[in-house]
Amino acid sequence: MRPALNQSKFLDIAEALMEQIIAGKLSTGDKIPSVRETAMKMGVTPNTAANAHARLRDLGIIEPVHGTGSIIQPAAREMCRSFIYKKFIDQELPVVQRRMSLLGLSEKQVMTLLKKKGDK
């Protein structure tokens, strides 16, 4: 039996910011919300928000600019898309495949369910 996927809250926040970049809500050159703003919006401690910002910085998605905060780098959207894609393939898709097998669902049945869900 495999445990459920759990990750630190700061990683969840970093991924939420990545999703905003992929969706175009945050764009190249934009300033991301400050650590304090991120903490308040996400309901976490400033330390947790700072760790999320550090994760994005370590991945090269944002760059700190002295005195103004951090800005989104030119290749950020593609970097975020690649990161989320890899996580989906490596971690999330295997869970879906196990559940499909457990429930006896075929690919065709899942595709039908996805189409119905998308039509709503």
PDB file of N, CA and C in Angstrom:
ATOM      1  N   MET A   1       0.842  -1.185   0.000  1.00  0.00           N
ATOM      2  CA  MET A   1       0.000   0.000   0.000  1.00  0.00           C
ATOM      3  C   MET A   1       0.883   1.243   0.000  1.00  0.00           C
ATOM      4  N   ARG A   2       0.603   2.150  -0.884  1.00  0.00           N
ATOM      5  CA  ARG A   2       1.384   3.374  -0.980  1.00  0.00           C
ATOM      6  C   ARG A   2       0.699   4.499  -0.232  1.00  0.00           C
ATOM      7  N   PRO A   3       1.485   5.339   0.451  1.00  0.00           N
ATOM      8  CA  PRO A   3       0.870   6.469   1.151  1.00  0.00           C
ATOM      9  C   PRO A   3       0.374   7.514   0.155  1.00  0.00           C
ATOM     10  N   ALA A   4      -0.575   8.310   0.585  1.00  0.00           N
ATOM     11  CA  ALA A   4      -1.063   9.406  -0.252  1.00  0.00           C
ATOM     12  C   ALA A   4       0.073  10.398  -0.477  1.00  0.00           C
ATOM     13  N   LEU A   5       0.001  11.092  -1.591  1.00  0.00           N
ATOM     14  CA  LEU A   5       1.009  12.100  -1.874  1.00  0.00           C
ATOM     15  C   LEU A   5       0.838  13.273  -0.910  1.00  0.00           C
ATOM     16  N   ASN A   6       1.868  13.552  -0.170  1.00  0.00           N
ATOM     17  CA  ASN A   6       1.871  14.700   0.728  1.00  0.00           C
ATOM     18  C   ASN A   6       3.104  15.516   0.426  1.00  0.00           C
ATOM     19  N   GLN A   7       2.963  16.790   0.440  1.00  0.00           N
ATOM     20  CA  GLN A   7       4.134  17.645   0.285  1.00  0.00           C
ATOM     21  C   GLN A   7       3.979  18.834   1.211  1.00  0.00           C
ATOM     22  N   SER A   8       5.075  19.493   1.428  1.00  0.00           N
ATOM     23  CA  SER A   8       5.067  20.632   2.333  1.00  0.00           C
ATOM     24  C   SER A   8       4.174  21.742   1.789  1.00  0.00           C
ATOM     25  N   LYS A   9       3.610  22.494   2.702  1.00  0.00           N
ATOM     26  CA  LYS A   9       2.718  23.595   2.327  1.00  0.00           C
ATOM     27  C   LYS A   9       3.436  24.601   1.426  1.00  0.00           C
ATOM     28  N   PHE A  10       4.717  24.844   1.668  1.00  0.00           N
ATOM     29  CA  PHE A  10       5.427  25.822   0.843  1.00  0.00           C
ATOM     30  C   PHE A  10       5.517  25.359  -0.607  1.00  0.00           C
ATOM     31  N   LEU A  11       5.583  24.029  -0.825  1.00  0.00           N
ATOM     32  CA  LEU A  11       5.599  23.516  -2.196  1.00  0.00           C
ATOM     33  C   LEU A  11       4.239  23.704  -2.856  1.00  0.00           C
ATOM     34  N   ASP A  12       3.170  23.529  -2.082  1.00  0.00           N
ATOM     35  CA  ASP A  12       1.820  23.780  -2.604  1.00  0.00           C
ATOM     36  C   ASP A  12       1.689  25.238  -3.053  1.00  0.00           C
ATOM     37  N   ILE A  13       2.219  26.144  -2.247  1.00  0.00           N
ATOM     38  CA  ILE A  13       2.131  27.572  -2.563  1.00  0.00           C
ATOM     39  C   ILE A  13       2.968  27.892  -3.796  1.00  0.00           C
ATOM     40  N   ALA A  14       4.175  27.334  -3.868  1.00  0.00           N
ATOM     41  CA  ALA A  14       5.023  27.551  -5.042  1.00  0.00           C
ATOM     42  C   ALA A  14       4.310  27.058  -6.301  1.00  0.00           C
ATOM     43  N   GLU A  15       3.662  25.900  -6.212  1.00  0.00           N
ATOM     44  CA  GLU A  15       2.946  25.368  -7.371  1.00  0.00           C
ATOM     45  C   GLU A  15       1.725  26.219  -7.715  1.00  0.00           C
ATOM     46  N   ALA A  16       1.060  26.763  -6.725  1.00  0.00           N
ATOM     47  CA  ALA A  16      -0.080  27.650  -6.996  1.00  0.00           C
ATOM     48  C   ALA A  16       0.388  28.884  -7.765  1.00  0.00           C
ATOM     49  N   LEU A  17       1.534  29.426  -7.387  1.00  0.00           N
ATOM     50  CA  LEU A  17       2.100  30.568  -8.113  1.00  0.00           C
ATOM     51  C   LEU A  17       2.513  30.152  -9.522  1.00  0.00           C
ATOM     52  N   MET A  18       3.073  28.948  -9.670  1.00  0.00           N
ATOM     53  CA  MET A  18       3.430  28.446 -10.999  1.00  0.00           C
ATOM     54  C   MET A  18       2.183  28.338 -11.875  1.00  0.00           C
ATOM     55  N   GLU A  19       1.079  27.858 -11.305  1.00  0.00           N
ATOM     56  CA  GLU A  19      -0.155  27.730 -12.065  1.00  0.00           C
ATOM     57  C   GLU A  19      -0.663  29.096 -12.520  1.00  0.00           C
ATOM     58  N   GLN A  20      -0.492  30.122 -11.685  1.00  0.00           N
ATOM     59  CA  GLN A  20      -0.880  31.479 -12.078  1.00  0.00           C
ATOM     60  C   GLN A  20      -0.022  31.970 -13.243  1.00  0.00           C
ATOM     61  N   ILE A  21       1.254  31.595 -13.243  1.00  0.00           N
ATOM     62  CA  ILE A  21       2.148  31.976 -14.342  1.00  0.00           C
ATOM     63  C   ILE A  21       1.735  31.251 -15.623  1.00  0.00           C
ATOM     64  N   ILE A  22       1.479  29.952 -15.526  1.00  0.00           N
ATOM     65  CA  ILE A  22       1.060  29.171 -16.701  1.00  0.00           C
ATOM     66  C   ILE A  22      -0.246  29.732 -17.265  1.00  0.00           C
ATOM     67  N   ALA A  23      -1.175  30.078 -16.394  1.00  0.00           N
ATOM     68  CA  ALA A  23      -2.485  30.593 -16.814  1.00  0.00           C
ATOM     69  C   ALA A  23      -2.419  32.023 -17.341  1.00  0.00           C
ATOM     70  N   GLY A  24      -1.271  32.675 -17.201  1.00  0.00           N
ATOM     71  CA  GLY A  24      -1.120  34.037 -17.697  1.00  0.00           C
ATOM     72  C   GLY A  24      -1.590  35.106 -16.728  1.00  0.00           C
ATOM     73  N   LYS A  25      -1.941  34.712 -15.501  1.00  0.00           N
ATOM     74  CA  LYS A  25      -2.354  35.695 -14.498  1.00  0.00           C
ATOM     75  C   LYS A  25      -1.155  36.491 -13.998  1.00  0.00           C
ATOM     76  N   LEU A  26       0.017  35.875 -14.085  1.00  0.00           N
ATOM     77  CA  LEU A  26       1.286  36.535 -13.799  1.00  0.00           C
ATOM     78  C   LEU A  26       2.164  36.329 -15.027  1.00  0.00           C
ATOM     79  N   SER A  27       2.806  37.392 -15.500  1.00  0.00           N
ATOM     80  CA  SER A  27       3.573  37.317 -16.744  1.00  0.00           C
ATOM     81  C   SER A  27       5.021  37.733 -16.545  1.00  0.00           C
ATOM     82  N   THR A  28       5.823  37.445 -17.572  1.00  0.00           N
ATOM     83  CA  THR A  28       7.232  37.843 -17.580  1.00  0.00           C
ATOM     84  C   THR A  28       7.363  39.314 -17.202  1.00  0.00           C
ATOM     85  N   GLY A  29       8.264  39.584 -16.277  1.00  0.00           N
ATOM     86  CA  GLY A  29       8.514  40.952 -15.847  1.00  0.00           C
ATOM     87  C   GLY A  29       7.612  41.443 -14.738  1.00  0.00           C
ATOM     88  N   ASP A  30       6.514  40.738 -14.492  1.00  0.00           N
ATOM     89  CA  ASP A  30       5.617  41.118 -13.396  1.00  0.00           C
ATOM     90  C   ASP A  30       6.303  40.877 -12.064  1.00  0.00           C
ATOM     91  N   LYS A  31       5.956  41.697 -11.112  1.00  0.00           N
ATOM     92  CA  LYS A  31       6.410  41.493  -9.743  1.00  0.00           C
ATOM     93  C   LYS A  31       5.451  40.497  -9.095  1.00  0.00           C
ATOM     94  N   ILE A  32       5.986  39.485  -8.435  1.00  0.00           N
ATOM     95  CA  ILE A  32       5.094  38.551  -7.740  1.00  0.00           C
ATOM     96  C   ILE A  32       4.695  39.178  -6.401  1.00  0.00           C
ATOM     97  N   PRO A  33       3.595  38.697  -5.834  1.00  0.00           N
ATOM     98  CA  PRO A  33       3.196  39.225  -4.528  1.00  0.00           C
ATOM     99  C   PRO A  33       4.329  39.050  -3.507  1.00  0.00           C
ATOM    100  N   SER A  34       4.448  39.991  -2.604  1.00  0.00           N
ATOM    101  CA  SER A  34       5.492  39.920  -1.580  1.00  0.00           C
ATOM    102  C   SER A  34       5.278  38.707  -0.683  1.00  0.00           C
ATOM    103  N   VAL A  35       6.293  38.386   0.086  1.00  0.00           N
ATOM    104  CA  VAL A  35       6.181  37.281   1.038  1.00  0.00           C
ATOM    105  C   VAL A  35       5.016  37.537   1.986  1.00  0.00           C
ATOM    106  N   ARG A  36       4.911  38.754   2.467  1.00  0.00           N
ATOM    107  CA  ARG A  36       3.823  39.096   3.393  1.00  0.00           C
ATOM    108  C   ARG A  36       2.462  38.936   2.720  1.00  0.00           C
ATOM    109  N   GLU A  37       2.324  39.439   1.477  1.00  0.00           N
ATOM    110  CA  GLU A  37       1.060  39.301   0.745  1.00  0.00           C
ATOM    111  C   GLU A  37       0.726  37.825   0.494  1.00  0.00           C
ATOM    112  N   THR A  38       1.733  37.059   0.104  1.00  0.00           N
ATOM    113  CA  THR A  38       1.535  35.637  -0.154  1.00  0.00           C
ATOM    114  C   THR A  38       1.067  34.934   1.115  1.00  0.00           C
ATOM    115  N   ALA A  39       1.713  35.233   2.239  1.00  0.00           N
ATOM    116  CA  ALA A  39       1.351  34.613   3.517  1.00  0.00           C
ATOM    117  C   ALA A  39      -0.096  34.928   3.889  1.00  0.00           C
ATOM    118  N   MET A  40      -0.483  36.196   3.743  1.00  0.00           N
ATOM    119  CA  MET A  40      -1.848  36.586   4.099  1.00  0.00           C
ATOM    120  C   MET A  40      -2.866  35.939   3.170  1.00  0.00           C
ATOM    121  N   LYS A  41      -2.594  35.945   1.869  1.00  0.00           N
ATOM    122  CA  LYS A  41      -3.531  35.390   0.892  1.00  0.00           C
ATOM    123  C   LYS A  41      -3.698  33.880   1.054  1.00  0.00           C
ATOM    124  N   MET A  42      -2.602  33.191   1.374  1.00  0.00           N
ATOM    125  CA  MET A  42      -2.627  31.729   1.478  1.00  0.00           C
ATOM    126  C   MET A  42      -2.900  31.235   2.898  1.00  0.00           C
ATOM    127  N   GLY A  43      -2.939  32.145   3.854  1.00  0.00           N
ATOM    128  CA  GLY A  43      -3.227  31.760   5.229  1.00  0.00           C
ATOM    129  C   GLY A  43      -2.117  30.949   5.882  1.00  0.00           C
ATOM    130  N   VAL A  44      -0.870  31.344   5.598  1.00  0.00           N
ATOM    131  CA  VAL A  44       0.287  30.648   6.154  1.00  0.00           C
ATOM    132  C   VAL A  44       1.204  31.656   6.834  1.00  0.00           C
ATOM    133  N   THR A  45       2.223  31.144   7.486  1.00  0.00           N
ATOM    134  CA  THR A  45       3.185  32.028   8.133  1.00  0.00           C
ATOM    135  C   THR A  45       4.086  32.672   7.083  1.00  0.00           C
ATOM    136  N   PRO A  46       4.646  33.831   7.401  1.00  0.00           N
ATOM    137  CA  PRO A  46       5.593  34.443   6.474  1.00  0.00           C
ATOM    138  C   PRO A  46       6.780  33.525   6.152  1.00  0.00           C
ATOM    139  N   ASN A  47       7.193  32.710   7.104  1.00  0.00           N
ATOM    140  CA  ASN A  47       8.297  31.788   6.865  1.00  0.00           C
ATOM    141  C   ASN A  47       7.934  30.768   5.777  1.00  0.00           C
ATOM    142  N   THR A  48       6.709  30.252   5.818  1.00  0.00           N
ATOM    143  CA  THR A  48       6.256  29.306   4.801  1.00  0.00           C
ATOM    144  C   THR A  48       6.209  29.982   3.431  1.00  0.00           C
ATOM    145  N   ALA A  49       5.684  31.208   3.388  1.00  0.00           N
ATOM    146  CA  ALA A  49       5.629  31.959   2.130  1.00  0.00           C
ATOM    147  C   ALA A  49       7.044  32.245   1.618  1.00  0.00           C
ATOM    148  N   ALA A  50       7.958  32.575   2.523  1.00  0.00           N
ATOM    149  CA  ALA A  50       9.348  32.834   2.125  1.00  0.00           C
ATOM    150  C   ALA A  50       9.984  31.583   1.533  1.00  0.00           C
ATOM    151  N   ASN A  51       9.658  30.424   2.097  1.00  0.00           N
ATOM    152  CA  ASN A  51      10.170  29.162   1.545  1.00  0.00           C
ATOM    153  C   ASN A  51       9.622  28.915   0.138  1.00  0.00           C
ATOM    154  N   ALA A  52       8.360  29.268  -0.090  1.00  0.00           N
ATOM    155  CA  ALA A  52       7.771  29.120  -1.427  1.00  0.00           C
ATOM    156  C   ALA A  52       8.487  30.027  -2.422  1.00  0.00           C
ATOM    157  N   HIS A  53       8.733  31.264  -2.014  1.00  0.00           N
ATOM    158  CA  HIS A  53       9.460  32.206  -2.873  1.00  0.00           C
ATOM    159  C   HIS A  53      10.874  31.694  -3.145  1.00  0.00           C
ATOM    160  N   ALA A  54      11.521  31.144  -2.123  1.00  0.00           N
ATOM    161  CA  ALA A  54      12.872  30.607  -2.299  1.00  0.00           C
ATOM    162  C   ALA A  54      12.870  29.449  -3.291  1.00  0.00           C
ATOM    163  N   ARG A  55      11.829  28.635  -3.247  1.00  0.00           N
ATOM    164  CA  ARG A  55      11.715  27.507  -4.193  1.00  0.00           C
ATOM    165  C   ARG A  55      11.627  28.025  -5.632  1.00  0.00           C
ATOM    166  N   LEU A  56      10.815  29.033  -5.843  1.00  0.00           N
ATOM    167  CA  LEU A  56      10.692  29.620  -7.182  1.00  0.00           C
ATOM    168  C   LEU A  56      12.009  30.261  -7.629  1.00  0.00           C
ATOM    169  N   ARG A  57      12.679  30.894  -6.700  1.00  0.00           N
ATOM    170  CA  ARG A  57      13.980  31.504  -7.000  1.00  0.00           C
ATOM    171  C   ARG A  57      15.003  30.426  -7.346  1.00  0.00           C
ATOM    172  N   ASP A  58      15.032  29.344  -6.563  1.00  0.00           N
ATOM    173  CA  ASP A  58      15.972  28.241  -6.809  1.00  0.00           C
ATOM    174  C   ASP A  58      15.743  27.591  -8.173  1.00  0.00           C
ATOM    175  N   LEU A  59      14.491  27.567  -8.617  1.00  0.00           N
ATOM    176  CA  LEU A  59      14.163  26.993  -9.926  1.00  0.00           C
ATOM    177  C   LEU A  59      14.416  27.977 -11.073  1.00  0.00           C
ATOM    178  N   GLY A  60      14.750  29.219 -10.735  1.00  0.00           N
ATOM    179  CA  GLY A  60      15.017  30.229 -11.757  1.00  0.00           C
ATOM    180  C   GLY A  60      13.768  30.867 -12.334  1.00  0.00           C
ATOM    181  N   ILE A  61      12.647  30.691 -11.664  1.00  0.00           N
ATOM    182  CA  ILE A  61      11.372  31.218 -12.148  1.00  0.00           C
ATOM    183  C   ILE A  61      11.219  32.697 -11.806  1.00  0.00           C
ATOM    184  N   ILE A  62      11.727  33.063 -10.648  1.00  0.00           N
ATOM    185  CA  ILE A  62      11.712  34.475 -10.249  1.00  0.00           C
ATOM    186  C   ILE A  62      13.131  34.915  -9.928  1.00  0.00           C
ATOM    187  N   GLU A  63      13.320  36.219  -9.988  1.00  0.00           N
ATOM    188  CA  GLU A  63      14.625  36.809  -9.677  1.00  0.00           C
ATOM    189  C   GLU A  63      14.391  37.977  -8.733  1.00  0.00           C
ATOM    190  N   PRO A  64      15.079  37.964  -7.578  1.00  0.00           N
ATOM    191  CA  PRO A  64      14.917  39.104  -6.673  1.00  0.00           C
ATOM    192  C   PRO A  64      15.558  40.361  -7.261  1.00  0.00           C
ATOM    193  N   VAL A  65      14.879  41.473  -7.104  1.00  0.00           N
ATOM    194  CA  VAL A  65      15.403  42.765  -7.535  1.00  0.00           C
ATOM    195  C   VAL A  65      15.473  43.634  -6.292  1.00  0.00           C
ATOM    196  N   HIS A  66      16.670  44.040  -5.939  1.00  0.00           N
ATOM    197  CA  HIS A  66      16.880  44.790  -4.704  1.00  0.00           C
ATOM    198  C   HIS A  66      15.955  46.008  -4.626  1.00  0.00           C
ATOM    199  N   GLY A  67      15.221  46.064  -3.544  1.00  0.00           N
ATOM    200  CA  GLY A  67      14.360  47.206  -3.277  1.00  0.00           C
ATOM    201  C   GLY A  67      12.974  47.133  -3.889  1.00  0.00           C
ATOM    202  N   THR A  68      12.727  46.177  -4.783  1.00  0.00           N
ATOM    203  CA  THR A  68      11.406  46.127  -5.412  1.00  0.00           C
ATOM    204  C   THR A  68      10.702  44.791  -5.260  1.00  0.00           C
ATOM    205  N   GLY A  69      11.375  43.766  -4.803  1.00  0.00           N
ATOM    206  CA  GLY A  69      10.763  42.441  -4.687  1.00  0.00           C
ATOM    207  C   GLY A  69      11.319  41.502  -5.733  1.00  0.00           C
ATOM    208  N   SER A  70      10.528  40.548  -6.147  1.00  0.00           N
ATOM    209  CA  SER A  70      10.974  39.568  -7.133  1.00  0.00           C
ATOM    210  C   SER A  70      10.124  39.656  -8.387  1.00  0.00           C
ATOM    211  N   ILE A  71      10.775  39.489  -9.538  1.00  0.00           N
ATOM    212  CA  ILE A  71      10.057  39.544 -10.810  1.00  0.00           C
ATOM    213  C   ILE A  71      10.135  38.197 -11.520  1.00  0.00           C
ATOM    214  N   ILE A  72       9.166  37.970 -12.373  1.00  0.00           N
ATOM    215  CA  ILE A  72       9.073  36.728 -13.122  1.00  0.00           C
ATOM    216  C   ILE A  72      10.020  36.788 -14.313  1.00  0.00           C
ATOM    217  N   GLN A  73      10.806  35.741 -14.452  1.00  0.00           N
ATOM    218  CA  GLN A  73      11.822  35.662 -15.494  1.00  0.00           C
ATOM    219  C   GLN A  73      11.211  35.330 -16.857  1.00  0.00           C
ATOM    220  N   PRO A  74      11.910  35.681 -17.952  1.00  0.00           N
ATOM    221  CA  PRO A  74      11.375  35.470 -19.299  1.00  0.00           C
ATOM    222  C   PRO A  74      10.958  34.028 -19.616  1.00  0.00           C
ATOM    223  N   ALA A  75      11.704  33.048 -19.181  1.00  0.00           N
ATOM    224  CA  ALA A  75      11.381  31.651 -19.512  1.00  0.00           C
ATOM    225  C   ALA A  75      10.490  30.998 -18.448  1.00  0.00           C
ATOM    226  N   ALA A  76       9.947  31.781 -17.531  1.00  0.00           N
ATOM    227  CA  ALA A  76       9.215  31.233 -16.387  1.00  0.00           C
ATOM    228  C   ALA A  76       8.017  30.389 -16.791  1.00  0.00           C
ATOM    229  N   ARG A  77       7.247  30.853 -17.761  1.00  0.00           N
ATOM    230  CA  ARG A  77       6.030  30.114 -18.125  1.00  0.00           C
ATOM    231  C   ARG A  77       6.373  28.703 -18.594  1.00  0.00           C
ATOM    232  N   GLU A  78       7.363  28.597 -19.476  1.00  0.00           N
ATOM    233  CA  GLU A  78       7.745  27.275 -19.975  1.00  0.00           C
ATOM    234  C   GLU A  78       8.387  26.434 -18.873  1.00  0.00           C
ATOM    235  N   MET A  79       9.161  27.061 -18.000  1.00  0.00           N
ATOM    236  CA  MET A  79       9.766  26.334 -16.882  1.00  0.00           C
ATOM    237  C   MET A  79       8.686  25.787 -15.953  1.00  0.00           C
ATOM    238  N   CYS A  80       7.685  26.599 -15.667  1.00  0.00           N
ATOM    239  CA  CYS A  80       6.582  26.160 -14.801  1.00  0.00           C
ATOM    240  C   CYS A  80       5.809  25.021 -15.454  1.00  0.00           C
ATOM    241  N   ARG A  81       5.515  25.183 -16.740  1.00  0.00           N
ATOM    242  CA  ARG A  81       4.773  24.150 -17.468  1.00  0.00           C
ATOM    243  C   ARG A  81       5.546  22.834 -17.443  1.00  0.00           C
ATOM    244  N   SER A  82       6.850  22.900 -17.660  1.00  0.00           N
ATOM    245  CA  SER A  82       7.692  21.705 -17.652  1.00  0.00           C
ATOM    246  C   SER A  82       7.716  21.063 -16.268  1.00  0.00           C
ATOM    247  N   PHE A  83       7.831  21.868 -15.234  1.00  0.00           N
ATOM    248  CA  PHE A  83       7.864  21.365 -13.858  1.00  0.00           C
ATOM    249  C   PHE A  83       6.552  20.659 -13.502  1.00  0.00           C
ATOM    250  N   ILE A  84       5.417  21.308 -13.792  1.00  0.00           N
ATOM    251  CA  ILE A  84       4.106  20.747 -13.470  1.00  0.00           C
ATOM    252  C   ILE A  84       3.851  19.489 -14.311  1.00  0.00           C
ATOM    253  N   TYR A  85       4.256  19.509 -15.572  1.00  0.00           N
ATOM    254  CA  TYR A  85       4.096  18.340 -16.445  1.00  0.00           C
ATOM    255  C   TYR A  85       4.856  17.152 -15.878  1.00  0.00           C
ATOM    256  N   LYS A  86       6.116  17.368 -15.507  1.00  0.00           N
ATOM    257  CA  LYS A  86       6.945  16.283 -14.974  1.00  0.00           C
ATOM    258  C   LYS A  86       6.334  15.724 -13.690  1.00  0.00           C
ATOM    259  N   LYS A  87       5.853  16.593 -12.825  1.00  0.00           N
ATOM    260  CA  LYS A  87       5.220  16.127 -11.592  1.00  0.00           C
ATOM    261  C   LYS A  87       3.973  15.300 -11.910  1.00  0.00           C
ATOM    262  N   PHE A  88       3.179  15.763 -12.876  1.00  0.00           N
ATOM    263  CA  PHE A  88       1.984  15.029 -13.264  1.00  0.00           C
ATOM    264  C   PHE A  88       2.341  13.630 -13.760  1.00  0.00           C
ATOM    265  N   ILE A  89       3.317  13.550 -14.654  1.00  0.00           N
ATOM    266  CA  ILE A  89       3.712  12.264 -15.234  1.00  0.00           C
ATOM    267  C   ILE A  89       4.328  11.343 -14.180  1.00  0.00           C
ATOM    268  N   ASP A  90       5.204  11.885 -13.349  1.00  0.00           N
ATOM    269  CA  ASP A  90       5.934  11.065 -12.376  1.00  0.00           C
ATOM    270  C   ASP A  90       5.136  10.700 -11.125  1.00  0.00           C
ATOM    271  N   GLN A  91       4.261  11.606 -10.675  1.00  0.00           N
ATOM    272  CA  GLN A  91       3.618  11.391  -9.386  1.00  0.00           C
ATOM    273  C   GLN A  91       2.098  11.232  -9.457  1.00  0.00           C
ATOM    274  N   GLU A  92       1.446  12.042 -10.261  1.00  0.00           N
ATOM    275  CA  GLU A  92      -0.013  12.053 -10.244  1.00  0.00           C
ATOM    276  C   GLU A  92      -0.626  11.015 -11.186  1.00  0.00           C
ATOM    277  N   LEU A  93      -0.071  10.861 -12.372  1.00  0.00           N
ATOM    278  CA  LEU A  93      -0.614   9.887 -13.326  1.00  0.00           C
ATOM    279  C   LEU A  93      -0.555   8.456 -12.797  1.00  0.00           C
ATOM    280  N   PRO A  94       0.531   8.044 -12.133  1.00  0.00           N
ATOM    281  CA  PRO A  94       0.525   6.689 -11.571  1.00  0.00           C
ATOM    282  C   PRO A  94      -0.607   6.460 -10.565  1.00  0.00           C
ATOM    283  N   VAL A  95      -0.975   7.490  -9.818  1.00  0.00           N
ATOM    284  CA  VAL A  95      -2.089   7.372  -8.874  1.00  0.00           C
ATOM    285  C   VAL A  95      -3.391   7.176  -9.646  1.00  0.00           C
ATOM    286  N   VAL A  96      -3.571   7.945 -10.709  1.00  0.00           N
ATOM    287  CA  VAL A  96      -4.770   7.807 -11.538  1.00  0.00           C
ATOM    288  C   VAL A  96      -4.822   6.408 -12.145  1.00  0.00           C
ATOM    289  N   GLN A  97      -3.698   5.930 -12.637  1.00  0.00           N
ATOM    290  CA  GLN A  97      -3.656   4.591 -13.239  1.00  0.00           C
ATOM    291  C   GLN A  97      -4.012   3.505 -12.215  1.00  0.00           C
ATOM    292  N   ARG A  98      -3.491   3.626 -10.989  1.00  0.00           N
ATOM    293  CA  ARG A  98      -3.823   2.658  -9.940  1.00  0.00           C
ATOM    294  C   ARG A  98      -5.307   2.692  -9.616  1.00  0.00           C
ATOM    295  N   ARG A  99      -5.871   3.890  -9.530  1.00  0.00           N
ATOM    296  CA  ARG A  99      -7.301   4.028  -9.224  1.00  0.00           C
ATOM    297  C   ARG A  99      -8.150   3.457 -10.355  1.00  0.00           C
ATOM    298  N   MET A 100      -7.741   3.712 -11.592  1.00  0.00           N
ATOM    299  CA  MET A 100      -8.476   3.159 -12.730  1.00  0.00           C
ATOM    300  C   MET A 100      -8.487   1.633 -12.647  1.00  0.00           C
ATOM    301  N   SER A 101      -7.336   1.072 -12.352  1.00  0.00           N
ATOM    302  CA  SER A 101      -7.227  -0.381 -12.246  1.00  0.00           C
ATOM    303  C   SER A 101      -8.080  -0.898 -11.092  1.00  0.00           C
ATOM    304  N   LEU A 102      -7.993  -0.255  -9.956  1.00  0.00           N
ATOM    305  CA  LEU A 102      -8.761  -0.656  -8.784  1.00  0.00           C
ATOM    306  C   LEU A 102     -10.266  -0.621  -9.051  1.00  0.00           C
ATOM    307  N   LEU A 103     -10.693   0.401  -9.776  1.00  0.00           N
ATOM    308  CA  LEU A 103     -12.118   0.577 -10.058  1.00  0.00           C
ATOM    309  C   LEU A 103     -12.575  -0.138 -11.332  1.00  0.00           C
ATOM    310  N   GLY A 104     -11.620  -0.733 -12.046  1.00  0.00           N
ATOM    311  CA  GLY A 104     -11.966  -1.441 -13.276  1.00  0.00           C
ATOM    312  C   GLY A 104     -12.400  -0.518 -14.397  1.00  0.00           C
ATOM    313  N   LEU A 105     -11.852   0.689 -14.423  1.00  0.00           N
ATOM    314  CA  LEU A 105     -12.207   1.657 -15.458  1.00  0.00           C
ATOM    315  C   LEU A 105     -11.257   1.544 -16.642  1.00  0.00           C
ATOM    316  N   SER A 106     -11.813   1.532 -17.843  1.00  0.00           N
ATOM    317  CA  SER A 106     -10.993   1.515 -19.053  1.00  0.00           C
ATOM    318  C   SER A 106     -10.612   2.945 -19.424  1.00  0.00           C
ATOM    319  N   GLU A 107      -9.642   3.067 -20.316  1.00  0.00           N
ATOM    320  CA  GLU A 107      -9.259   4.401 -20.805  1.00  0.00           C
ATOM    321  C   GLU A 107     -10.454   5.076 -21.466  1.00  0.00           C
ATOM    322  N   LYS A 108     -11.228   4.294 -22.218  1.00  0.00           N
ATOM    323  CA  LYS A 108     -12.398   4.836 -22.913  1.00  0.00           C
ATOM    324  C   LYS A 108     -13.409   5.391 -21.902  1.00  0.00           C
ATOM    325  N   GLN A 109     -13.644   4.650 -20.818  1.00  0.00           N
ATOM    326  CA  GLN A 109     -14.581   5.120 -19.795  1.00  0.00           C
ATOM    327  C   GLN A 109     -14.088   6.414 -19.155  1.00  0.00           C
ATOM    328  N   VAL A 110     -12.814   6.473 -18.881  1.00  0.00           N
ATOM    329  CA  VAL A 110     -12.239   7.680 -18.269  1.00  0.00           C
ATOM    330  C   VAL A 110     -12.336   8.856 -19.240  1.00  0.00           C
ATOM    331  N   MET A 111     -12.067   8.625 -20.514  1.00  0.00           N
ATOM    332  CA  MET A 111     -12.170   9.697 -21.507  1.00  0.00           C
ATOM    333  C   MET A 111     -13.614  10.211 -21.588  1.00  0.00           C
ATOM    334  N   THR A 112     -14.581   9.303 -21.519  1.00  0.00           N
ATOM    335  CA  THR A 112     -15.991   9.703 -21.529  1.00  0.00           C
ATOM    336  C   THR A 112     -16.302  10.556 -20.303  1.00  0.00           C
ATOM    337  N   LEU A 113     -15.800  10.139 -19.144  1.00  0.00           N
ATOM    338  CA  LEU A 113     -16.009  10.913 -17.915  1.00  0.00           C
ATOM    339  C   LEU A 113     -15.370  12.286 -18.017  1.00  0.00           C
ATOM    340  N   LEU A 114     -14.171  12.354 -18.575  1.00  0.00           N
ATOM    341  CA  LEU A 114     -13.488  13.631 -18.726  1.00  0.00           C
ATOM    342  C   LEU A 114     -14.248  14.555 -19.665  1.00  0.00           C
ATOM    343  N   LYS A 115     -14.796  14.007 -20.749  1.00  0.00           N
ATOM    344  CA  LYS A 115     -15.578  14.814 -21.684  1.00  0.00           C
ATOM    345  C   LYS A 115     -16.824  15.354 -21.003  1.00  0.00           C
ATOM    346  N   LYS A 116     -17.513  14.513 -20.250  1.00  0.00           N
ATOM    347  CA  LYS A 116     -18.714  14.953 -19.544  1.00  0.00           C
ATOM    348  C   LYS A 116     -18.375  16.054 -18.545  1.00  0.00           C
ATOM    349  N   LYS A 117     -17.273  15.878 -17.831  1.00  0.00           N
ATOM    350  CA  LYS A 117     -16.838  16.869 -16.838  1.00  0.00           C
ATOM    351  C   LYS A 117     -16.510  18.201 -17.527  1.00  0.00           C
ATOM    352  N   GLY A 118     -15.883  18.103 -18.699  1.00  0.00           N
ATOM    353  CA  GLY A 118     -15.514  19.312 -19.453  1.00  0.00           C
ATOM    354  C   GLY A 118     -16.684  20.053 -20.047  1.00  0.00           C
ATOM    355  N   ASP A 119     -17.781  19.343 -20.279  1.00  0.00           N
ATOM    356  CA  ASP A 119     -18.966  19.958 -20.864  1.00  0.00           C
ATOM    357  C   ASP A 119     -19.753  20.781 -19.855  1.00  0.00           C
ATOM    358  N   LYS A 120     -19.484  20.597 -18.583  1.00  0.00           N
ATOM    359  CA  LYS A 120     -20.254  21.294 -17.548  1.00  0.00           C
ATOM    360  C   LYS A 120     -19.805  22.706 -17.361  1.00  0.00           C
TER     361      LYS A 120
END
